[in-house]
Amino acid sequence: MMIIHAHLQVKVDQEQAFLKEAKTLVEASRAEAGNISYDLMKSTEKDGHFTMVEVWKDAESIDAHNKSEHFTAFGQKASAFMAAPMDLKVFSGEPVQL
């Protein structure tokens, strides 16, 4: 299982436009074959800060996602929303039974 945390600093005046585009991205990404979960989190501490938390079956699923029409369309629009470069963290993990 692969886990991605994409930290996004969005321009305050672009937040609504960002959320509209992000909703389309999230919905389409959740429908992908290798997706386990795909969620957008908004910081309660820092204005305009969001984290996309993605869980994928494997690296091949991420590669297919990165080539998808909805992901590339979002990427083409993203620079208009961003106040800073994206901070991307990728992890490998397995579920733990407690």
N, C-alpha and C. Protein backbone atom coordinates (compact mmCIF):
# COMPACT_ATOMS: atom_id res chain seq x y z
N MET A 1 0.85 -1.17 0.00
CA MET A 1 0.00 0.00 0.00
C MET A 1 0.89 1.23 0.00
N MET A 2 0.50 2.23 -0.77
CA MET A 2 1.24 3.49 -0.86
C MET A 2 0.35 4.62 -0.35
N ILE A 3 0.95 5.52 0.43
CA ILE A 3 0.22 6.63 1.03
C ILE A 3 0.89 7.93 0.60
N ILE A 4 0.08 8.88 0.16
CA ILE A 4 0.60 10.18 -0.28
C ILE A 4 -0.04 11.28 0.57
N HIS A 5 0.79 12.19 1.02
CA HIS A 5 0.32 13.43 1.66
C HIS A 5 0.82 14.57 0.79
N ALA A 6 -0.09 15.23 0.11
CA ALA A 6 0.25 16.37 -0.74
C ALA A 6 -0.21 17.63 -0.01
N HIS A 7 0.76 18.38 0.51
CA HIS A 7 0.48 19.60 1.27
C HIS A 7 0.41 20.78 0.29
N LEU A 8 -0.73 21.48 0.31
CA LEU A 8 -1.00 22.54 -0.65
C LEU A 8 -1.30 23.85 0.09
N GLN A 9 -0.58 24.90 -0.27
CA GLN A 9 -0.86 26.23 0.27
C GLN A 9 -1.58 27.02 -0.81
N VAL A 10 -2.87 27.25 -0.59
CA VAL A 10 -3.73 27.88 -1.58
C VAL A 10 -3.87 29.37 -1.29
N LYS A 11 -3.85 30.16 -2.36
CA LYS A 11 -4.09 31.60 -2.22
C LYS A 11 -5.49 31.80 -1.63
N VAL A 12 -5.59 32.66 -0.64
CA VAL A 12 -6.87 32.86 0.05
C VAL A 12 -7.97 33.27 -0.93
N ASP A 13 -7.65 34.13 -1.87
CA ASP A 13 -8.67 34.58 -2.82
C ASP A 13 -9.00 33.54 -3.89
N GLN A 14 -8.28 32.42 -3.91
CA GLN A 14 -8.52 31.36 -4.89
C GLN A 14 -9.11 30.10 -4.26
N GLU A 15 -9.42 30.18 -2.97
CA GLU A 15 -9.85 28.98 -2.25
C GLU A 15 -11.12 28.36 -2.83
N GLN A 16 -12.12 29.14 -3.18
CA GLN A 16 -13.37 28.59 -3.71
C GLN A 16 -13.15 27.94 -5.08
N ALA A 17 -12.36 28.56 -5.92
CA ALA A 17 -12.05 27.97 -7.23
C ALA A 17 -11.26 26.68 -7.06
N PHE A 18 -10.32 26.68 -6.12
CA PHE A 18 -9.54 25.47 -5.82
C PHE A 18 -10.47 24.35 -5.35
N LEU A 19 -11.37 24.65 -4.42
CA LEU A 19 -12.27 23.63 -3.88
C LEU A 19 -13.18 23.04 -4.96
N LYS A 20 -13.61 23.87 -5.89
CA LYS A 20 -14.45 23.38 -6.99
C LYS A 20 -13.68 22.37 -7.84
N GLU A 21 -12.45 22.71 -8.20
CA GLU A 21 -11.63 21.81 -9.01
C GLU A 21 -11.22 20.57 -8.21
N ALA A 22 -10.92 20.75 -6.92
CA ALA A 22 -10.51 19.63 -6.08
C ALA A 22 -11.64 18.62 -5.92
N LYS A 23 -12.87 19.10 -5.83
CA LYS A 23 -14.01 18.19 -5.69
C LYS A 23 -14.09 17.25 -6.89
N THR A 24 -13.92 17.79 -8.08
CA THR A 24 -13.92 16.96 -9.29
C THR A 24 -12.79 15.94 -9.25
N LEU A 25 -11.60 16.39 -8.86
CA LEU A 25 -10.44 15.50 -8.76
C LEU A 25 -10.68 14.39 -7.75
N VAL A 26 -11.16 14.72 -6.58
CA VAL A 26 -11.38 13.73 -5.52
C VAL A 26 -12.40 12.69 -5.97
N GLU A 27 -13.52 13.13 -6.50
CA GLU A 27 -14.56 12.19 -6.92
C GLU A 27 -14.06 11.23 -8.00
N ALA A 28 -13.36 11.75 -8.99
CA ALA A 28 -12.85 10.90 -10.08
C ALA A 28 -11.75 9.97 -9.58
N SER A 29 -10.91 10.45 -8.69
CA SER A 29 -9.81 9.64 -8.17
C SER A 29 -10.32 8.48 -7.33
N ARG A 30 -11.36 8.72 -6.55
CA ARG A 30 -11.94 7.65 -5.73
C ARG A 30 -12.50 6.51 -6.59
N ALA A 31 -12.86 6.81 -7.83
CA ALA A 31 -13.43 5.80 -8.72
C ALA A 31 -12.35 4.97 -9.43
N GLU A 32 -11.08 5.33 -9.27
CA GLU A 32 -10.01 4.59 -9.94
C GLU A 32 -9.82 3.21 -9.31
N ALA A 33 -9.44 2.25 -10.15
CA ALA A 33 -9.32 0.85 -9.73
C ALA A 33 -8.38 0.65 -8.54
N GLY A 34 -7.24 1.31 -8.50
CA GLY A 34 -6.26 1.07 -7.45
C GLY A 34 -6.39 1.98 -6.24
N ASN A 35 -7.43 2.81 -6.21
CA ASN A 35 -7.58 3.74 -5.10
C ASN A 35 -8.26 3.08 -3.91
N ILE A 36 -7.68 3.30 -2.73
CA ILE A 36 -8.27 2.82 -1.47
C ILE A 36 -9.01 3.97 -0.79
N SER A 37 -8.40 5.15 -0.77
CA SER A 37 -9.08 6.35 -0.26
C SER A 37 -8.40 7.59 -0.82
N TYR A 38 -9.16 8.68 -0.86
CA TYR A 38 -8.66 9.94 -1.42
C TYR A 38 -9.46 11.05 -0.76
N ASP A 39 -8.82 11.80 0.14
CA ASP A 39 -9.51 12.81 0.93
C ASP A 39 -8.74 14.12 0.94
N LEU A 40 -9.49 15.21 0.97
CA LEU A 40 -8.90 16.55 1.09
C LEU A 40 -9.19 17.06 2.49
N MET A 41 -8.15 17.43 3.21
CA MET A 41 -8.27 17.94 4.57
C MET A 41 -7.87 19.42 4.60
N LYS A 42 -8.63 20.22 5.34
CA LYS A 42 -8.32 21.64 5.50
C LYS A 42 -7.77 21.87 6.89
N SER A 43 -6.68 22.61 6.96
CA SER A 43 -6.06 22.92 8.25
C SER A 43 -6.96 23.83 9.08
N THR A 44 -7.00 23.55 10.36
CA THR A 44 -7.72 24.44 11.28
C THR A 44 -6.77 25.44 11.91
N GLU A 45 -5.49 25.34 11.58
CA GLU A 45 -4.47 26.19 12.19
C GLU A 45 -3.83 27.18 11.23
N LYS A 46 -3.85 26.88 9.93
CA LYS A 46 -3.16 27.72 8.96
C LYS A 46 -4.10 28.03 7.79
N ASP A 47 -4.38 29.29 7.58
CA ASP A 47 -5.28 29.70 6.50
C ASP A 47 -4.76 29.24 5.14
N GLY A 48 -5.67 28.70 4.35
CA GLY A 48 -5.33 28.31 2.99
C GLY A 48 -4.50 27.04 2.87
N HIS A 49 -4.32 26.32 3.97
CA HIS A 49 -3.49 25.10 3.91
C HIS A 49 -4.40 23.87 3.85
N PHE A 50 -4.14 23.03 2.83
CA PHE A 50 -4.88 21.80 2.63
C PHE A 50 -3.90 20.65 2.49
N THR A 51 -4.37 19.46 2.84
CA THR A 51 -3.58 18.25 2.63
C THR A 51 -4.45 17.23 1.92
N MET A 52 -3.98 16.76 0.78
CA MET A 52 -4.63 15.69 0.05
C MET A 52 -4.02 14.40 0.60
N VAL A 53 -4.85 13.55 1.19
CA VAL A 53 -4.39 12.28 1.76
C VAL A 53 -4.91 11.16 0.86
N GLU A 54 -3.97 10.48 0.22
CA GLU A 54 -4.31 9.45 -0.76
C GLU A 54 -3.75 8.11 -0.31
N VAL A 55 -4.53 7.05 -0.48
CA VAL A 55 -4.05 5.70 -0.21
C VAL A 55 -4.32 4.88 -1.47
N TRP A 56 -3.24 4.26 -1.96
CA TRP A 56 -3.29 3.50 -3.22
C TRP A 56 -2.83 2.07 -2.99
N LYS A 57 -3.34 1.18 -3.83
CA LYS A 57 -2.99 -0.24 -3.75
C LYS A 57 -1.49 -0.45 -3.95
N ASP A 58 -0.90 0.25 -4.94
CA ASP A 58 0.52 0.05 -5.26
C ASP A 58 1.03 1.22 -6.12
N ALA A 59 2.31 1.18 -6.42
CA ALA A 59 2.94 2.25 -7.21
C ALA A 59 2.36 2.32 -8.62
N GLU A 60 1.96 1.19 -9.17
CA GLU A 60 1.37 1.18 -10.51
C GLU A 60 0.05 1.95 -10.53
N SER A 61 -0.71 1.86 -9.44
CA SER A 61 -1.96 2.60 -9.35
C SER A 61 -1.71 4.11 -9.31
N ILE A 62 -0.65 4.50 -8.61
CA ILE A 62 -0.29 5.92 -8.56
C ILE A 62 0.13 6.40 -9.94
N ASP A 63 0.90 5.59 -10.63
CA ASP A 63 1.35 5.96 -11.98
C ASP A 63 0.15 6.15 -12.91
N ALA A 64 -0.81 5.25 -12.85
CA ALA A 64 -2.01 5.37 -13.68
C ALA A 64 -2.79 6.62 -13.30
N HIS A 65 -2.88 6.91 -12.00
CA HIS A 65 -3.57 8.11 -11.52
C HIS A 65 -2.90 9.37 -12.06
N ASN A 66 -1.56 9.40 -11.98
CA ASN A 66 -0.83 10.59 -12.43
C ASN A 66 -0.99 10.84 -13.93
N LYS A 67 -1.37 9.82 -14.68
CA LYS A 67 -1.58 9.95 -16.12
C LYS A 67 -3.05 10.16 -16.48
N SER A 68 -3.92 10.09 -15.49
CA SER A 68 -5.36 10.17 -15.75
C SER A 68 -5.76 11.56 -16.24
N GLU A 69 -6.85 11.61 -16.96
CA GLU A 69 -7.34 12.88 -17.50
C GLU A 69 -7.71 13.86 -16.39
N HIS A 70 -8.37 13.39 -15.34
CA HIS A 70 -8.78 14.29 -14.27
C HIS A 70 -7.59 14.83 -13.47
N PHE A 71 -6.55 14.01 -13.30
CA PHE A 71 -5.37 14.48 -12.57
C PHE A 71 -4.58 15.49 -13.40
N THR A 72 -4.38 15.21 -14.67
CA THR A 72 -3.62 16.14 -15.52
C THR A 72 -4.39 17.45 -15.71
N ALA A 73 -5.73 17.37 -15.79
CA ALA A 73 -6.53 18.60 -15.93
C ALA A 73 -6.39 19.45 -14.66
N PHE A 74 -6.43 18.81 -13.50
CA PHE A 74 -6.25 19.56 -12.25
C PHE A 74 -4.86 20.17 -12.19
N GLY A 75 -3.86 19.42 -12.59
CA GLY A 75 -2.48 19.92 -12.58
C GLY A 75 -2.28 21.14 -13.46
N GLN A 76 -2.98 21.20 -14.57
CA GLN A 76 -2.87 22.35 -15.47
C GLN A 76 -3.46 23.61 -14.86
N LYS A 77 -4.44 23.45 -13.98
CA LYS A 77 -5.10 24.59 -13.35
C LYS A 77 -4.48 24.96 -12.01
N ALA A 78 -3.76 24.05 -11.40
CA ALA A 78 -3.30 24.20 -10.01
C ALA A 78 -2.41 25.42 -9.77
N SER A 79 -1.58 25.77 -10.71
CA SER A 79 -0.65 26.88 -10.47
C SER A 79 -1.38 28.20 -10.19
N ALA A 80 -2.59 28.34 -10.72
CA ALA A 80 -3.37 29.56 -10.47
C ALA A 80 -3.85 29.64 -9.02
N PHE A 81 -3.94 28.49 -8.35
CA PHE A 81 -4.45 28.45 -6.98
C PHE A 81 -3.36 28.52 -5.92
N MET A 82 -2.15 28.10 -6.27
CA MET A 82 -1.12 27.87 -5.26
C MET A 82 -0.37 29.13 -4.86
N ALA A 83 -0.15 29.26 -3.55
CA ALA A 83 0.65 30.36 -3.00
C ALA A 83 2.09 29.92 -2.78
N ALA A 84 2.34 28.62 -2.85
CA ALA A 84 3.68 28.06 -2.64
C ALA A 84 3.75 26.72 -3.36
N PRO A 85 4.97 26.24 -3.63
CA PRO A 85 5.09 24.92 -4.25
C PRO A 85 4.50 23.82 -3.36
N MET A 86 3.95 22.80 -3.98
CA MET A 86 3.40 21.67 -3.25
C MET A 86 4.51 20.94 -2.51
N ASP A 87 4.21 20.47 -1.31
CA ASP A 87 5.12 19.64 -0.51
C ASP A 87 4.55 18.23 -0.53
N LEU A 88 5.23 17.32 -1.23
CA LEU A 88 4.73 15.97 -1.44
C LEU A 88 5.53 14.97 -0.62
N LYS A 89 4.81 14.12 0.12
CA LYS A 89 5.44 13.07 0.89
C LYS A 89 4.77 11.74 0.50
N VAL A 90 5.58 10.72 0.21
CA VAL A 90 5.07 9.42 -0.20
C VAL A 90 5.59 8.38 0.78
N PHE A 91 4.67 7.52 1.24
CA PHE A 91 5.01 6.51 2.23
C PHE A 91 4.56 5.12 1.73
N SER A 92 5.24 4.11 2.20
CA SER A 92 4.84 2.74 1.95
C SER A 92 4.41 2.15 3.29
N GLY A 93 3.28 1.45 3.30
CA GLY A 93 2.82 0.92 4.57
C GLY A 93 1.85 -0.22 4.40
N GLU A 94 1.53 -0.84 5.52
CA GLU A 94 0.57 -1.92 5.56
C GLU A 94 -0.38 -1.67 6.73
N PRO A 95 -1.63 -2.12 6.62
CA PRO A 95 -2.56 -1.95 7.73
C PRO A 95 -2.08 -2.71 8.97
N VAL A 96 -2.38 -2.18 10.12
CA VAL A 96 -2.00 -2.80 11.39
C VAL A 96 -3.28 -3.16 12.14
N GLN A 97 -3.39 -4.38 12.57
CA GLN A 97 -4.54 -4.81 13.38
C GLN A 97 -4.25 -4.48 14.83
N LEU A 98 -5.13 -3.74 15.47
CA LEU A 98 -4.96 -3.40 16.89
C LEU A 98 -5.86 -4.21 17.75
